[in-house]
Amino acid sequence: QGQLVESGGGLVQPGGSLRLSCAASGITFSIWTMGWYRQAPGKQRELVAGITSSDSTAYADSVKGRFTISRDSAKNTVYLQMNNLKPEDTAVYYCNAKRMAISFWGKGTPVTVSS
């Protein structure tokens, strides 16, 4: 069935940028709402950004103006462009696909923001 594979995480300095990718397979990508979540050690997983099948977007206040979510239906891929990264952005970032009451997750890609 459906599978999500994240990539693009790594180590970056404060103020730097990364672009995360989430490649979807086994689903009709265009009808699913996609989201990026993150989880830092000892903290709850939180929504970072979401994008609907009609390209409506929403962002957590903490990343608004710095992060941009987008999707490329031709590539079955959702992206998270992260600019002006801060140490508090350090977390494992997870891709999520949701349709009606069904959702599933990728395994995550770690992002570390540090000097």
C-alpha atoms as a PDB file:
ATOM      1  CA  GLN A   1       0.000   0.000   0.000  1.00  0.00           C
ATOM      2  CA  GLY A   2       1.115   3.533   0.720  1.00  0.00           C
ATOM      3  CA  GLN A   3       4.644   4.496   1.602  1.00  0.00           C
ATOM      4  CA  LEU A   4       6.319   7.798   2.431  1.00  0.00           C
ATOM      5  CA  VAL A   5      10.072   8.279   2.332  1.00  0.00           C
ATOM      6  CA  GLU A   6      11.653  11.462   3.653  1.00  0.00           C
ATOM      7  CA  SER A   7      15.033  12.798   2.655  1.00  0.00           C
ATOM      8  CA  GLY A   8      17.090  15.965   2.838  1.00  0.00           C
ATOM      9  CA  GLY A   9      17.754  16.239   6.536  1.00  0.00           C
ATOM     10  CA  GLY A  10      21.155  16.830   8.004  1.00  0.00           C
ATOM     11  CA  LEU A  11      23.335  19.231   9.923  1.00  0.00           C
ATOM     12  CA  VAL A  12      23.072  22.926   9.169  1.00  0.00           C
ATOM     13  CA  GLN A  13      24.280  26.105  10.838  1.00  0.00           C
ATOM     14  CA  PRO A  14      21.858  28.614  12.336  1.00  0.00           C
ATOM     15  CA  GLY A  15      20.582  30.882   9.606  1.00  0.00           C
ATOM     16  CA  GLY A  16      21.084  28.220   6.984  1.00  0.00           C
ATOM     17  CA  SER A  17      18.597  26.432   4.776  1.00  0.00           C
ATOM     18  CA  LEU A  18      17.510  22.903   4.001  1.00  0.00           C
ATOM     19  CA  ARG A  19      14.908  21.417   1.717  1.00  0.00           C
ATOM     20  CA  LEU A  20      13.188  18.266   2.852  1.00  0.00           C
ATOM     21  CA  SER A  21      11.515  15.940   0.392  1.00  0.00           C
ATOM     22  CA  CYS A  22       8.838  13.334   0.936  1.00  0.00           C
ATOM     23  CA  ALA A  23       8.288  10.877  -1.880  1.00  0.00           C
ATOM     24  CA  ALA A  24       4.951   9.093  -1.856  1.00  0.00           C
ATOM     25  CA  SER A  25       4.175   5.807  -3.516  1.00  0.00           C
ATOM     26  CA  GLY A  26       1.274   3.413  -3.574  1.00  0.00           C
ATOM     27  CA  ILE A  27      -1.358   6.119  -3.194  1.00  0.00           C
ATOM     28  CA  THR A  28      -3.247   8.500  -5.411  1.00  0.00           C
ATOM     29  CA  PHE A  29      -1.065  11.341  -4.226  1.00  0.00           C
ATOM     30  CA  SER A  30      -3.185  14.209  -5.483  1.00  0.00           C
ATOM     31  CA  ILE A  31      -6.173  13.446  -3.230  1.00  0.00           C
ATOM     32  CA  TRP A  32      -4.232  13.265   0.031  1.00  0.00           C
ATOM     33  CA  THR A  33      -3.538  16.092   2.395  1.00  0.00           C
ATOM     34  CA  MET A  34       0.170  16.128   3.146  1.00  0.00           C
ATOM     35  CA  GLY A  35       1.918  17.442   6.193  1.00  0.00           C
ATOM     36  CA  TRP A  36       5.268  17.856   7.833  1.00  0.00           C
ATOM     37  CA  TYR A  37       5.565  17.222  11.536  1.00  0.00           C
ATOM     38  CA  ARG A  38       8.544  17.311  13.823  1.00  0.00           C
ATOM     39  CA  GLN A  39       9.469  15.798  17.130  1.00  0.00           C
ATOM     40  CA  ALA A  40      12.314  16.961  19.320  1.00  0.00           C
ATOM     41  CA  PRO A  41      13.687  14.794  22.132  1.00  0.00           C
ATOM     42  CA  GLY A  42      11.336  14.738  25.097  1.00  0.00           C
ATOM     43  CA  LYS A  43       8.644  16.681  23.270  1.00  0.00           C
ATOM     44  CA  GLN A  44       5.386  15.857  21.563  1.00  0.00           C
ATOM     45  CA  ARG A  45       5.181  15.591  17.825  1.00  0.00           C
ATOM     46  CA  GLU A  46       3.879  18.836  16.375  1.00  0.00           C
ATOM     47  CA  LEU A  47       2.510  19.961  13.058  1.00  0.00           C
ATOM     48  CA  VAL A  48       4.930  22.173  11.163  1.00  0.00           C
ATOM     49  CA  ALA A  49       3.120  22.689   7.866  1.00  0.00           C
ATOM     50  CA  GLY A  50       0.303  21.173   5.870  1.00  0.00           C
ATOM     51  CA  ILE A  51      -0.895  21.332   2.302  1.00  0.00           C
ATOM     52  CA  THR A  52      -4.193  20.134   0.876  1.00  0.00           C
ATOM     53  CA  SER A  53      -5.002  18.639  -2.490  1.00  0.00           C
ATOM     54  CA  SER A  54      -6.027  22.120  -3.625  1.00  0.00           C
ATOM     55  CA  ASP A  55      -2.714  23.622  -2.454  1.00  0.00           C
ATOM     56  CA  SER A  56      -4.078  25.397   0.589  1.00  0.00           C
ATOM     57  CA  THR A  57      -1.327  25.676   3.186  1.00  0.00           C
ATOM     58  CA  ALA A  58      -1.045  26.140   6.913  1.00  0.00           C
ATOM     59  CA  TYR A  59       1.957  26.666   9.163  1.00  0.00           C
ATOM     60  CA  ALA A  60       2.843  26.565  12.784  1.00  0.00           C
ATOM     61  CA  ASP A  61       3.402  30.049  14.158  1.00  0.00           C
ATOM     62  CA  SER A  62       6.965  29.143  15.038  1.00  0.00           C
ATOM     63  CA  VAL A  63       7.917  28.571  11.397  1.00  0.00           C
ATOM     64  CA  LYS A  64       5.660  31.031   9.603  1.00  0.00           C
ATOM     65  CA  GLY A  65       7.649  33.203   7.235  1.00  0.00           C
ATOM     66  CA  ARG A  66      10.632  30.861   7.323  1.00  0.00           C
ATOM     67  CA  PHE A  67       9.291  27.546   6.011  1.00  0.00           C
ATOM     68  CA  THR A  68       7.367  26.827   2.832  1.00  0.00           C
ATOM     69  CA  ILE A  69       5.499  23.633   2.031  1.00  0.00           C
ATOM     70  CA  SER A  70       4.771  22.683  -1.554  1.00  0.00           C
ATOM     71  CA  ARG A  71       3.843  19.653  -3.593  1.00  0.00           C
ATOM     72  CA  ASP A  72       4.684  18.395  -7.048  1.00  0.00           C
ATOM     73  CA  SER A  73       1.974  16.037  -8.233  1.00  0.00           C
ATOM     74  CA  ALA A  74       3.995  14.953 -11.257  1.00  0.00           C
ATOM     75  CA  LYS A  75       6.685  13.655  -8.904  1.00  0.00           C
ATOM     76  CA  ASN A  76       4.375  12.495  -6.093  1.00  0.00           C
ATOM     77  CA  THR A  77       6.527  14.543  -3.758  1.00  0.00           C
ATOM     78  CA  VAL A  78       5.935  17.113  -1.056  1.00  0.00           C
ATOM     79  CA  TYR A  79       8.678  19.511  -0.013  1.00  0.00           C
ATOM     80  CA  LEU A  80       9.493  21.601   2.991  1.00  0.00           C
ATOM     81  CA  GLN A  81      11.805  24.495   2.257  1.00  0.00           C
ATOM     82  CA  MET A  82      13.327  25.625   5.528  1.00  0.00           C
ATOM     83  CA  ASN A  83      15.105  28.973   5.641  1.00  0.00           C
ATOM     84  CA  ASN A  84      16.708  30.925   8.456  1.00  0.00           C
ATOM     85  CA  LEU A  85      16.947  27.803  10.548  1.00  0.00           C
ATOM     86  CA  LYS A  86      17.224  28.112  14.299  1.00  0.00           C
ATOM     87  CA  PRO A  87      18.562  25.695  16.906  1.00  0.00           C
ATOM     88  CA  GLU A  88      15.015  25.163  18.154  1.00  0.00           C
ATOM     89  CA  ASP A  89      14.150  23.694  14.753  1.00  0.00           C
ATOM     90  CA  THR A  90      16.283  20.685  15.623  1.00  0.00           C
ATOM     91  CA  ALA A  91      14.074  17.607  15.478  1.00  0.00           C
ATOM     92  CA  VAL A  92      13.206  14.554  13.490  1.00  0.00           C
ATOM     93  CA  TYR A  93      10.912  15.660  10.695  1.00  0.00           C
ATOM     94  CA  TYR A  94       8.147  13.324   9.606  1.00  0.00           C
ATOM     95  CA  CYS A  95       6.005  13.313   6.511  1.00  0.00           C
ATOM     96  CA  ASN A  96       2.329  12.501   6.897  1.00  0.00           C
ATOM     97  CA  ALA A  97      -0.427  11.685   4.442  1.00  0.00           C
ATOM     98  CA  LYS A  98      -4.058  12.012   5.459  1.00  0.00           C
ATOM     99  CA  ARG A  99      -7.315  11.250   3.750  1.00  0.00           C
ATOM    100  CA  MET A 100     -10.581  11.221   5.668  1.00  0.00           C
ATOM    101  CA  ALA A 101      -9.886   9.307   8.882  1.00  0.00           C
ATOM    102  CA  ILE A 102      -6.869   7.500   7.474  1.00  0.00           C
ATOM    103  CA  SER A 103      -3.305   8.669   7.858  1.00  0.00           C
ATOM    104  CA  PHE A 104       0.153   7.204   7.685  1.00  0.00           C
ATOM    105  CA  TRP A 105       3.705   8.292   8.312  1.00  0.00           C
ATOM    106  CA  GLY A 106       7.174   8.176   6.952  1.00  0.00           C
ATOM    107  CA  LYS A 107      10.054   7.103   9.159  1.00  0.00           C
ATOM    108  CA  GLY A 108      11.458  10.598   9.500  1.00  0.00           C
ATOM    109  CA  THR A 109      14.589  12.507   8.612  1.00  0.00           C
ATOM    110  CA  PRO A 110      16.662  14.233  11.294  1.00  0.00           C
ATOM    111  CA  VAL A 111      17.494  17.923  11.164  1.00  0.00           C
ATOM    112  CA  THR A 112      20.133  19.378  13.444  1.00  0.00           C
ATOM    113  CA  VAL A 113      20.700  23.125  13.575  1.00  0.00           C
ATOM    114  CA  SER A 114      23.920  23.871  15.378  1.00  0.00           C
ATOM    115  CA  SER A 115      27.165  25.778  15.132  1.00  0.00           C
END
